[in-house]
Amino acid sequence: MTEVQASTQLAGAAKLLRHLSLDKLVDLLSTSELFFAPLATFVKTDPFEGYLPSVALDAYASTFQQNVNQLERSHQQAAEYRSKRGYPLTNAEEEKLQADLEDMRSHLRRILPAIAKATMVNCWHRAGESESEAMWRLYAENGKAVSVETTLDALKESIQRRESSSVVYIYPVKYLDFFDSALKPGDCLVEGIHMPLLKRISYQHEREVRAFIAKVAPGRAGADVAFWEPAPIRLPIDVKVLVKAIHISPYAGEPFPGSVAKICEAFGLESEIVRPSQLLSGHEELLDRLSL
């Protein structure tokens, strides 16, 4: 059974939607796998992906500065000790010490992109009381798209029904002003985790819940992260447990809805789960309620 760790902030019945193009829907149904993309690839649409608010970076920098200061003192003490005993540090040794210092100074600048390469993400939209026109516009303006509906509990169970060596984390994204000086380091955490759960306020319409897989547990990045390369992960799941409904884009015309229903039937799902979007319908009901 695959291990899943989920947020306590989300109810098990919380409705989640994943907007997909038709080819990605077919991929999901035919492979019974969730596609986790490297966080580093998301910088194409948001260059701040993988970054932290300035107050969090300052807190990390302060910690690293203490380490740099300690290393500088150790180097100075070593140099003084060697000089007093008549065999001062060689040029090669001085250069090595300076290289160590520079490596430590640049560690934070290197570590964030490295972790972004080693974190794989599968994104969901936390549905509200009504459909999100913005989400349909983002993912389905051409009409050839659907949204797969599930719940937090169903997503967890669909993952746990299959075996893998991955640990999957499922948490809501927190939206912040990355340059807000009033933030505290604790404000930059979601139940103890920061990356990849922080995004700028400009993206809060996404109401995102992220399932993610890290090559190491959050907060335990090792020294070798600089060598990690971004590579997607395909996680086996039980599709019939996952999929509660498939909603058709409000911009789709025939024969798209019928084609989606046939595709679902071909992969063992009931065609009744395919439902049209209600975003562009229902206005006539307002007129029907008029009493003149």
C-alpha atoms as a PDB file:
ATOM      1  CA  MET A   1       0.000   0.000   0.000  1.00  0.00           C
ATOM      2  CA  THR A   2       1.344   3.431  -0.946  1.00  0.00           C
ATOM      3  CA  GLU A   3       1.824   5.747   2.022  1.00  0.00           C
ATOM      4  CA  VAL A   4      -0.260   8.944   1.958  1.00  0.00           C
ATOM      5  CA  GLN A   5       0.011  11.888   4.335  1.00  0.00           C
ATOM      6  CA  ALA A   6      -2.844  14.383   4.026  1.00  0.00           C
ATOM      7  CA  SER A   7      -3.694  17.753   5.495  1.00  0.00           C
ATOM      8  CA  THR A   8      -5.888  17.977   8.565  1.00  0.00           C
ATOM      9  CA  GLN A   9      -7.244  21.282   7.195  1.00  0.00           C
ATOM     10  CA  LEU A  10      -9.246  19.518   4.487  1.00  0.00           C
ATOM     11  CA  ALA A  11     -12.392  17.497   5.113  1.00  0.00           C
ATOM     12  CA  GLY A  12     -12.411  13.996   3.687  1.00  0.00           C
ATOM     13  CA  ALA A  13     -15.501  14.861   1.658  1.00  0.00           C
ATOM     14  CA  ALA A  14     -13.889  17.997   0.207  1.00  0.00           C
ATOM     15  CA  LYS A  15     -14.618  18.030  -3.539  1.00  0.00           C
ATOM     16  CA  LEU A  16     -11.539  18.254  -5.758  1.00  0.00           C
ATOM     17  CA  LEU A  17     -11.409  18.852  -9.505  1.00  0.00           C
ATOM     18  CA  ARG A  18      -8.586  18.229 -11.952  1.00  0.00           C
ATOM     19  CA  HIS A  19      -9.013  19.985 -15.297  1.00  0.00           C
ATOM     20  CA  LEU A  20      -7.639  17.937 -18.190  1.00  0.00           C
ATOM     21  CA  SER A  21      -7.431  17.989 -21.952  1.00  0.00           C
ATOM     22  CA  LEU A  22      -8.938  14.973 -23.686  1.00  0.00           C
ATOM     23  CA  ASP A  23      -5.558  13.337 -24.341  1.00  0.00           C
ATOM     24  CA  LYS A  24      -4.643  13.612 -20.661  1.00  0.00           C
ATOM     25  CA  LEU A  25      -8.002  12.118 -19.662  1.00  0.00           C
ATOM     26  CA  VAL A  26      -7.346   9.162 -21.963  1.00  0.00           C
ATOM     27  CA  ASP A  27      -3.870   8.807 -20.454  1.00  0.00           C
ATOM     28  CA  LEU A  28      -5.320   8.747 -16.921  1.00  0.00           C
ATOM     29  CA  LEU A  29      -7.971   6.142 -17.764  1.00  0.00           C
ATOM     30  CA  SER A  30      -5.761   3.931 -19.936  1.00  0.00           C
ATOM     31  CA  THR A  31      -2.737   3.808 -17.626  1.00  0.00           C
ATOM     32  CA  SER A  32      -4.488   4.064 -14.217  1.00  0.00           C
ATOM     33  CA  GLU A  33      -1.687   6.416 -13.212  1.00  0.00           C
ATOM     34  CA  LEU A  34      -1.482   9.954 -11.886  1.00  0.00           C
ATOM     35  CA  PHE A  35       1.126  12.101 -13.581  1.00  0.00           C
ATOM     36  CA  PHE A  36       3.386  14.054 -11.208  1.00  0.00           C
ATOM     37  CA  ALA A  37       5.339  16.795 -12.976  1.00  0.00           C
ATOM     38  CA  PRO A  38       8.576  18.274 -11.589  1.00  0.00           C
ATOM     39  CA  LEU A  39       7.904  21.549  -9.800  1.00  0.00           C
ATOM     40  CA  ALA A  40      10.787  23.051 -11.764  1.00  0.00           C
ATOM     41  CA  THR A  41       8.736  22.801 -14.981  1.00  0.00           C
ATOM     42  CA  PHE A  42       6.044  25.069 -13.520  1.00  0.00           C
ATOM     43  CA  VAL A  43       8.292  28.128 -13.763  1.00  0.00           C
ATOM     44  CA  LYS A  44       7.062  28.518 -17.339  1.00  0.00           C
ATOM     45  CA  THR A  45       3.753  29.840 -15.983  1.00  0.00           C
ATOM     46  CA  ASP A  46       4.988  31.167 -12.631  1.00  0.00           C
ATOM     47  CA  PRO A  47       8.702  31.996 -12.240  1.00  0.00           C
ATOM     48  CA  PHE A  48       8.217  32.168  -8.462  1.00  0.00           C
ATOM     49  CA  GLU A  49       7.492  28.413  -8.224  1.00  0.00           C
ATOM     50  CA  GLY A  50       9.939  26.847  -5.796  1.00  0.00           C
ATOM     51  CA  TYR A  51      10.746  30.179  -4.159  1.00  0.00           C
ATOM     52  CA  LEU A  52       9.842  31.299  -0.647  1.00  0.00           C
ATOM     53  CA  PRO A  53       8.605  34.666   0.651  1.00  0.00           C
ATOM     54  CA  SER A  54      11.406  37.089   1.471  1.00  0.00           C
ATOM     55  CA  VAL A  55      10.879  36.751   5.236  1.00  0.00           C
ATOM     56  CA  ALA A  56      11.400  32.981   5.010  1.00  0.00           C
ATOM     57  CA  LEU A  57      14.475  33.430   2.840  1.00  0.00           C
ATOM     58  CA  ASP A  58      15.845  35.946   5.365  1.00  0.00           C
ATOM     59  CA  ALA A  59      15.329  33.419   8.157  1.00  0.00           C
ATOM     60  CA  TYR A  60      17.200  30.756   6.198  1.00  0.00           C
ATOM     61  CA  ALA A  61      19.924  33.236   5.258  1.00  0.00           C
ATOM     62  CA  SER A  62      20.379  34.144   8.912  1.00  0.00           C
ATOM     63  CA  THR A  63      20.920  30.493   9.790  1.00  0.00           C
ATOM     64  CA  PHE A  64      23.395  30.031   6.953  1.00  0.00           C
ATOM     65  CA  GLN A  65      25.191  33.239   7.937  1.00  0.00           C
ATOM     66  CA  GLN A  66      25.801  31.774  11.391  1.00  0.00           C
ATOM     67  CA  ASN A  67      27.328  28.721   9.749  1.00  0.00           C
ATOM     68  CA  VAL A  68      29.482  30.925   7.513  1.00  0.00           C
ATOM     69  CA  ASN A  69      30.670  32.943  10.506  1.00  0.00           C
ATOM     70  CA  GLN A  70      31.513  29.760  12.405  1.00  0.00           C
ATOM     71  CA  LEU A  71      33.469  28.395   9.427  1.00  0.00           C
ATOM     72  CA  GLU A  72      35.350  31.701   9.069  1.00  0.00           C
ATOM     73  CA  ARG A  73      36.344  31.604  12.752  1.00  0.00           C
ATOM     74  CA  SER A  74      37.496  28.001  12.414  1.00  0.00           C
ATOM     75  CA  HIS A  75      39.597  28.926   9.379  1.00  0.00           C
ATOM     76  CA  GLN A  76      41.113  31.892  11.184  1.00  0.00           C
ATOM     77  CA  GLN A  77      41.965  29.796  14.235  1.00  0.00           C
ATOM     78  CA  ALA A  78      43.541  27.140  12.030  1.00  0.00           C
ATOM     79  CA  ALA A  79      45.615  29.754  10.209  1.00  0.00           C
ATOM     80  CA  GLU A  80      46.822  31.317  13.482  1.00  0.00           C
ATOM     81  CA  TYR A  81      47.663  27.925  14.971  1.00  0.00           C
ATOM     82  CA  ARG A  82      49.684  26.911  11.905  1.00  0.00           C
ATOM     83  CA  SER A  83      51.470  30.280  11.734  1.00  0.00           C
ATOM     84  CA  LYS A  84      52.557  30.133  15.387  1.00  0.00           C
ATOM     85  CA  ARG A  85      54.101  26.714  14.787  1.00  0.00           C
ATOM     86  CA  GLY A  86      56.055  27.831  11.785  1.00  0.00           C
ATOM     87  CA  TYR A  87      54.169  26.135   8.973  1.00  0.00           C
ATOM     88  CA  PRO A  88      51.535  28.571   7.726  1.00  0.00           C
ATOM     89  CA  LEU A  89      48.771  27.532   5.404  1.00  0.00           C
ATOM     90  CA  THR A  90      49.851  26.947   1.832  1.00  0.00           C
ATOM     91  CA  ASN A  91      48.297  28.829  -1.078  1.00  0.00           C
ATOM     92  CA  ALA A  92      46.419  25.669  -2.038  1.00  0.00           C
ATOM     93  CA  GLU A  93      45.035  25.316   1.497  1.00  0.00           C
ATOM     94  CA  GLU A  94      44.009  29.001   1.576  1.00  0.00           C
ATOM     95  CA  GLU A  95      42.238  28.591  -1.751  1.00  0.00           C
ATOM     96  CA  LYS A  96      40.458  25.473  -0.487  1.00  0.00           C
ATOM     97  CA  LEU A  97      39.234  27.302   2.628  1.00  0.00           C
ATOM     98  CA  GLN A  98      37.971  30.231   0.564  1.00  0.00           C
ATOM     99  CA  ALA A  99      36.214  27.832  -1.818  1.00  0.00           C
ATOM    100  CA  ASP A 100      34.494  26.163   1.142  1.00  0.00           C
ATOM    101  CA  LEU A 101      33.280  29.544   2.357  1.00  0.00           C
ATOM    102  CA  GLU A 102      31.982  30.550  -1.057  1.00  0.00           C
ATOM    103  CA  ASP A 103      30.210  27.202  -1.403  1.00  0.00           C
ATOM    104  CA  MET A 104      28.436  27.745   1.917  1.00  0.00           C
ATOM    105  CA  ARG A 105      27.512  31.336   1.040  1.00  0.00           C
ATOM    106  CA  SER A 106      25.897  30.219  -2.202  1.00  0.00           C
ATOM    107  CA  HIS A 107      24.205  27.147  -0.711  1.00  0.00           C
ATOM    108  CA  LEU A 108      20.776  28.734  -0.221  1.00  0.00           C
ATOM    109  CA  ARG A 109      20.765  30.162  -3.739  1.00  0.00           C
ATOM    110  CA  ARG A 110      21.470  26.673  -5.096  1.00  0.00           C
ATOM    111  CA  ILE A 111      19.290  24.614  -2.755  1.00  0.00           C
ATOM    112  CA  LEU A 112      15.882  26.039  -3.720  1.00  0.00           C
ATOM    113  CA  PRO A 113      16.136  25.299  -7.473  1.00  0.00           C
ATOM    114  CA  ALA A 114      17.584  21.888  -6.612  1.00  0.00           C
ATOM    115  CA  ILE A 115      14.641  20.975  -4.376  1.00  0.00           C
ATOM    116  CA  ALA A 116      12.241  22.229  -7.060  1.00  0.00           C
ATOM    117  CA  LYS A 117      13.830  19.721  -9.442  1.00  0.00           C
ATOM    118  CA  ALA A 118      13.357  16.943  -6.904  1.00  0.00           C
ATOM    119  CA  THR A 119       9.699  17.651  -6.049  1.00  0.00           C
ATOM    120  CA  MET A 120       6.969  16.181  -8.265  1.00  0.00           C
ATOM    121  CA  VAL A 121       3.480  17.710  -8.173  1.00  0.00           C
ATOM    122  CA  ASN A 122      -0.050  16.691  -9.175  1.00  0.00           C
ATOM    123  CA  CYS A 123      -2.485  19.627  -8.925  1.00  0.00           C
ATOM    124  CA  TRP A 124      -6.187  19.766  -8.007  1.00  0.00           C
ATOM    125  CA  HIS A 125      -8.719  22.577  -7.638  1.00  0.00           C
ATOM    126  CA  ARG A 126     -10.715  22.750  -4.407  1.00  0.00           C
ATOM    127  CA  ALA A 127     -14.257  23.215  -5.673  1.00  0.00           C
ATOM    128  CA  GLY A 128     -16.484  25.855  -4.148  1.00  0.00           C
ATOM    129  CA  GLU A 129     -20.259  26.150  -4.131  1.00  0.00           C
ATOM    130  CA  SER A 130     -20.264  27.061  -7.824  1.00  0.00           C
ATOM    131  CA  GLU A 131     -18.126  26.357 -10.868  1.00  0.00           C
ATOM    132  CA  SER A 132     -15.032  28.452 -11.504  1.00  0.00           C
ATOM    133  CA  GLU A 133     -15.225  30.279 -14.831  1.00  0.00           C
ATOM    134  CA  ALA A 134     -11.557  31.212 -14.390  1.00  0.00           C
ATOM    135  CA  MET A 135     -10.464  27.578 -14.174  1.00  0.00           C
ATOM    136  CA  TRP A 136     -12.407  26.629 -17.295  1.00  0.00           C
ATOM    137  CA  ARG A 137     -10.855  29.587 -19.111  1.00  0.00           C
ATOM    138  CA  LEU A 138      -7.374  28.544 -18.021  1.00  0.00           C
ATOM    139  CA  TYR A 139      -7.655  24.906 -19.004  1.00  0.00           C
ATOM    140  CA  ALA A 140     -10.526  24.545 -21.443  1.00  0.00           C
ATOM    141  CA  GLU A 141     -11.144  27.689 -23.436  1.00  0.00           C
ATOM    142  CA  ASN A 142     -10.940  25.731 -26.684  1.00  0.00           C
ATOM    143  CA  GLY A 143     -13.689  23.428 -25.389  1.00  0.00           C
ATOM    144  CA  LYS A 144     -11.740  20.193 -25.653  1.00  0.00           C
ATOM    145  CA  ALA A 145     -11.403  19.576 -21.932  1.00  0.00           C
ATOM    146  CA  VAL A 146     -13.018  18.025 -18.881  1.00  0.00           C
ATOM    147  CA  SER A 147     -12.695  18.218 -15.120  1.00  0.00           C
ATOM    148  CA  VAL A 148     -12.351  15.012 -13.159  1.00  0.00           C
ATOM    149  CA  GLU A 149     -14.200  15.154  -9.850  1.00  0.00           C
ATOM    150  CA  THR A 150     -13.059  13.304  -6.759  1.00  0.00           C
ATOM    151  CA  THR A 151     -12.880  13.861  -3.001  1.00  0.00           C
ATOM    152  CA  LEU A 152      -9.892  14.003  -0.683  1.00  0.00           C
ATOM    153  CA  ASP A 153     -10.817  10.605   0.772  1.00  0.00           C
ATOM    154  CA  ALA A 154     -11.257   9.084  -2.699  1.00  0.00           C
ATOM    155  CA  LEU A 155      -7.929  10.499  -3.877  1.00  0.00           C
ATOM    156  CA  LYS A 156      -6.182   9.033  -0.834  1.00  0.00           C
ATOM    157  CA  GLU A 157      -7.868   5.657  -1.200  1.00  0.00           C
ATOM    158  CA  SER A 158      -7.185   5.451  -4.949  1.00  0.00           C
ATOM    159  CA  ILE A 159      -3.477   5.917  -4.206  1.00  0.00           C
ATOM    160  CA  GLN A 160      -3.411   3.561  -1.223  1.00  0.00           C
ATOM    161  CA  ARG A 161      -5.078   0.770  -3.235  1.00  0.00           C
ATOM    162  CA  ARG A 162      -1.861   0.392  -5.275  1.00  0.00           C
ATOM    163  CA  GLU A 163       1.700  -0.417  -4.291  1.00  0.00           C
ATOM    164  CA  SER A 164       4.585   1.992  -4.807  1.00  0.00           C
ATOM    165  CA  SER A 165       7.696   3.087  -2.946  1.00  0.00           C
ATOM    166  CA  SER A 166       6.600   6.745  -2.972  1.00  0.00           C
ATOM    167  CA  VAL A 167       5.231   8.746  -0.074  1.00  0.00           C
ATOM    168  CA  VAL A 168       2.475  11.084  -1.285  1.00  0.00           C
ATOM    169  CA  TYR A 169       1.660  14.326   0.531  1.00  0.00           C
ATOM    170  CA  ILE A 170      -1.685  16.077  -0.080  1.00  0.00           C
ATOM    171  CA  TYR A 171      -2.029  19.627   1.242  1.00  0.00           C
ATOM    172  CA  PRO A 172      -3.706  22.914   0.279  1.00  0.00           C
ATOM    173  CA  VAL A 173      -1.606  25.665  -1.254  1.00  0.00           C
ATOM    174  CA  LYS A 174      -1.186  28.832   0.794  1.00  0.00           C
ATOM    175  CA  TYR A 175      -1.281  32.167  -1.053  1.00  0.00           C
ATOM    176  CA  LEU A 176       0.928  34.984   0.238  1.00  0.00           C
ATOM    177  CA  ASP A 177       2.487  38.296  -0.724  1.00  0.00           C
ATOM    178  CA  PHE A 178       6.094  37.163  -1.091  1.00  0.00           C
ATOM    179  CA  PHE A 179       7.391  40.680  -0.367  1.00  0.00           C
ATOM    180  CA  ASP A 180       5.209  41.387   2.680  1.00  0.00           C
ATOM    181  CA  SER A 181       7.604  42.470   5.442  1.00  0.00           C
ATOM    182  CA  ALA A 182       4.878  41.926   8.055  1.00  0.00           C
ATOM    183  CA  LEU A 183       4.939  38.155   7.505  1.00  0.00           C
ATOM    184  CA  LYS A 184       6.606  35.930  10.059  1.00  0.00           C
ATOM    185  CA  PRO A 185       8.531  32.759   9.178  1.00  0.00           C
ATOM    186  CA  GLY A 186       5.706  30.734  10.742  1.00  0.00           C
ATOM    187  CA  ASP A 187       3.252  32.304   8.298  1.00  0.00           C
ATOM    188  CA  CYS A 188       5.178  30.599   5.499  1.00  0.00           C
ATOM    189  CA  LEU A 189       4.298  27.073   6.590  1.00  0.00           C
ATOM    190  CA  VAL A 190       1.386  24.760   5.850  1.00  0.00           C
ATOM    191  CA  GLU A 191       1.267  22.310   8.738  1.00  0.00           C
ATOM    192  CA  GLY A 192       5.058  22.451   9.002  1.00  0.00           C
ATOM    193  CA  ILE A 193       5.772  22.349   5.239  1.00  0.00           C
ATOM    194  CA  HIS A 194       6.684  25.241   2.942  1.00  0.00           C
ATOM    195  CA  MET A 195       7.827  24.083  -0.499  1.00  0.00           C
ATOM    196  CA  PRO A 196       5.895  23.366  -2.716  1.00  0.00           C
ATOM    197  CA  LEU A 197       2.848  24.739  -0.908  1.00  0.00           C
ATOM    198  CA  LEU A 198       3.386  28.488  -1.221  1.00  0.00           C
ATOM    199  CA  LYS A 199       2.235  30.627  -4.130  1.00  0.00           C
ATOM    200  CA  ARG A 200       1.666  34.319  -4.693  1.00  0.00           C
ATOM    201  CA  ILE A 201      -1.732  35.913  -4.052  1.00  0.00           C
ATOM    202  CA  SER A 202      -2.075  36.488  -7.809  1.00  0.00           C
ATOM    203  CA  TYR A 203      -2.867  32.771  -8.148  1.00  0.00           C
ATOM    204  CA  GLN A 204      -5.368  32.385  -5.315  1.00  0.00           C
ATOM    205  CA  HIS A 205      -8.254  31.899  -7.765  1.00  0.00           C
ATOM    206  CA  GLU A 206      -6.784  28.424  -8.390  1.00  0.00           C
ATOM    207  CA  ARG A 207      -7.732  27.278  -4.853  1.00  0.00           C
ATOM    208  CA  GLU A 208      -5.121  24.598  -5.358  1.00  0.00           C
ATOM    209  CA  VAL A 209      -4.640  21.373  -3.454  1.00  0.00           C
ATOM    210  CA  ARG A 210      -1.339  19.737  -4.274  1.00  0.00           C
ATOM    211  CA  ALA A 211      -0.435  16.114  -4.132  1.00  0.00           C
ATOM    212  CA  PHE A 212       3.334  15.926  -4.225  1.00  0.00           C
ATOM    213  CA  ILE A 213       6.182  13.457  -4.017  1.00  0.00           C
ATOM    214  CA  ALA A 214       9.617  14.512  -2.786  1.00  0.00           C
ATOM    215  CA  LYS A 215      12.821  12.583  -3.358  1.00  0.00           C
ATOM    216  CA  VAL A 216      13.472  13.242   0.312  1.00  0.00           C
ATOM    217  CA  ALA A 217      10.995  14.048   3.075  1.00  0.00           C
ATOM    218  CA  PRO A 218      10.070  17.759   3.279  1.00  0.00           C
ATOM    219  CA  GLY A 219      12.616  19.656   5.372  1.00  0.00           C
ATOM    220  CA  ARG A 220      15.299  16.947   5.093  1.00  0.00           C
ATOM    221  CA  ALA A 221      17.103  17.863   1.888  1.00  0.00           C
ATOM    222  CA  GLY A 222      20.542  16.300   1.712  1.00  0.00           C
ATOM    223  CA  ALA A 223      23.775  17.745   0.372  1.00  0.00           C
ATOM    224  CA  ASP A 224      23.391  15.869  -2.917  1.00  0.00           C
ATOM    225  CA  VAL A 225      20.274  17.749  -4.067  1.00  0.00           C
ATOM    226  CA  ALA A 226      22.284  19.841  -6.518  1.00  0.00           C
ATOM    227  CA  PHE A 227      22.743  16.742  -8.621  1.00  0.00           C
ATOM    228  CA  TRP A 228      19.050  15.859  -8.868  1.00  0.00           C
ATOM    229  CA  GLU A 229      17.479  16.182 -12.289  1.00  0.00           C
ATOM    230  CA  PRO A 230      13.787  16.856 -12.881  1.00  0.00           C
ATOM    231  CA  ALA A 231      11.961  13.711 -13.960  1.00  0.00           C
ATOM    232  CA  PRO A 232       8.192  13.072 -13.790  1.00  0.00           C
ATOM    233  CA  ILE A 233       6.712  10.249 -11.749  1.00  0.00           C
ATOM    234  CA  ARG A 234       3.738   8.147 -12.816  1.00  0.00           C
ATOM    235  CA  LEU A 235       1.949   6.850  -9.729  1.00  0.00           C
ATOM    236  CA  PRO A 236      -0.348   3.786  -9.993  1.00  0.00           C
ATOM    237  CA  ILE A 237      -3.883   4.380  -8.700  1.00  0.00           C
ATOM    238  CA  ASP A 238      -7.323   2.778  -8.733  1.00  0.00           C
ATOM    239  CA  VAL A 239      -9.166   4.918 -11.295  1.00  0.00           C
ATOM    240  CA  LYS A 240     -12.625   3.588 -10.397  1.00  0.00           C
ATOM    241  CA  VAL A 241     -12.110   4.709  -6.813  1.00  0.00           C
ATOM    242  CA  LEU A 242     -10.733   8.076  -7.887  1.00  0.00           C
ATOM    243  CA  VAL A 243     -13.296   9.220 -10.463  1.00  0.00           C
ATOM    244  CA  LYS A 244     -16.647  10.327  -9.054  1.00  0.00           C
ATOM    245  CA  ALA A 245     -17.727  12.356 -12.089  1.00  0.00           C
ATOM    246  CA  ILE A 246     -16.364  13.841 -15.280  1.00  0.00           C
ATOM    247  CA  HIS A 247     -17.603  17.322 -16.137  1.00  0.00           C
ATOM    248  CA  ILE A 248     -17.617  18.541 -19.732  1.00  0.00           C
ATOM    249  CA  SER A 249     -16.248  21.988 -20.536  1.00  0.00           C
ATOM    250  CA  PRO A 250     -19.004  24.608 -20.945  1.00  0.00           C
ATOM    251  CA  TYR A 251     -17.334  25.581 -24.227  1.00  0.00           C
ATOM    252  CA  ALA A 252     -17.541  22.068 -25.715  1.00  0.00           C
ATOM    253  CA  GLY A 253     -19.884  21.258 -28.548  1.00  0.00           C
ATOM    254  CA  GLU A 254     -20.968  17.974 -30.051  1.00  0.00           C
ATOM    255  CA  PRO A 255     -19.656  15.393 -30.593  1.00  0.00           C
ATOM    256  CA  PHE A 256     -17.251  16.015 -27.680  1.00  0.00           C
ATOM    257  CA  PRO A 257     -19.601  15.056 -24.782  1.00  0.00           C
ATOM    258  CA  GLY A 258     -20.667  11.848 -26.503  1.00  0.00           C
ATOM    259  CA  SER A 259     -17.056  10.980 -27.290  1.00  0.00           C
ATOM    260  CA  VAL A 260     -16.081  11.392 -23.640  1.00  0.00           C
ATOM    261  CA  ALA A 261     -18.943   9.102 -22.587  1.00  0.00           C
ATOM    262  CA  LYS A 262     -17.777   6.430 -25.062  1.00  0.00           C
ATOM    263  CA  ILE A 263     -14.213   6.719 -23.814  1.00  0.00           C
ATOM    264  CA  CYS A 264     -15.394   6.211 -20.220  1.00  0.00           C
ATOM    265  CA  GLU A 265     -17.380   3.138 -21.219  1.00  0.00           C
ATOM    266  CA  ALA A 266     -14.342   1.738 -23.051  1.00  0.00           C
ATOM    267  CA  PHE A 267     -12.347   1.906 -19.836  1.00  0.00           C
ATOM    268  CA  GLY A 268     -15.034   0.383 -17.626  1.00  0.00           C
ATOM    269  CA  LEU A 269     -16.645   3.531 -16.239  1.00  0.00           C
ATOM    270  CA  GLU A 270     -20.370   4.218 -16.408  1.00  0.00           C
ATOM    271  CA  SER A 271     -21.309   6.827 -19.011  1.00  0.00           C
ATOM    272  CA  GLU A 272     -23.685   8.357 -16.431  1.00  0.00           C
ATOM    273  CA  ILE A 273     -20.724   9.895 -14.613  1.00  0.00           C
ATOM    274  CA  VAL A 274     -20.207  12.247 -17.580  1.00  0.00           C
ATOM    275  CA  ARG A 275     -22.029  15.491 -16.839  1.00  0.00           C
ATOM    276  CA  PRO A 276     -22.312  18.780 -18.719  1.00  0.00           C
ATOM    277  CA  SER A 277     -21.069  21.954 -17.106  1.00  0.00           C
ATOM    278  CA  GLN A 278     -23.841  24.193 -15.760  1.00  0.00           C
ATOM    279  CA  LEU A 279     -21.778  27.357 -16.063  1.00  0.00           C
ATOM    280  CA  LEU A 280     -23.608  28.683 -19.134  1.00  0.00           C
ATOM    281  CA  SER A 281     -27.069  27.319 -18.393  1.00  0.00           C
ATOM    282  CA  GLY A 282     -29.927  28.001 -15.983  1.00  0.00           C
ATOM    283  CA  HIS A 283     -30.566  31.623 -16.890  1.00  0.00           C
ATOM    284  CA  GLU A 284     -33.964  30.720 -18.321  1.00  0.00           C
ATOM    285  CA  GLU A 285     -35.022  29.583 -14.871  1.00  0.00           C
ATOM    286  CA  LEU A 286     -34.825  33.181 -13.684  1.00  0.00           C
ATOM    287  CA  LEU A 287     -37.420  34.172 -16.262  1.00  0.00           C
ATOM    288  CA  ASP A 288     -39.575  31.157 -15.404  1.00  0.00           C
ATOM    289  CA  ARG A 289     -39.744  32.414 -11.831  1.00  0.00           C
ATOM    290  CA  LEU A 290     -41.272  35.702 -12.893  1.00  0.00           C
ATOM    291  CA  SER A 291     -44.872  36.095 -11.788  1.00  0.00           C
ATOM    292  CA  LEU A 292     -46.670  38.753 -13.792  1.00  0.00           C
END
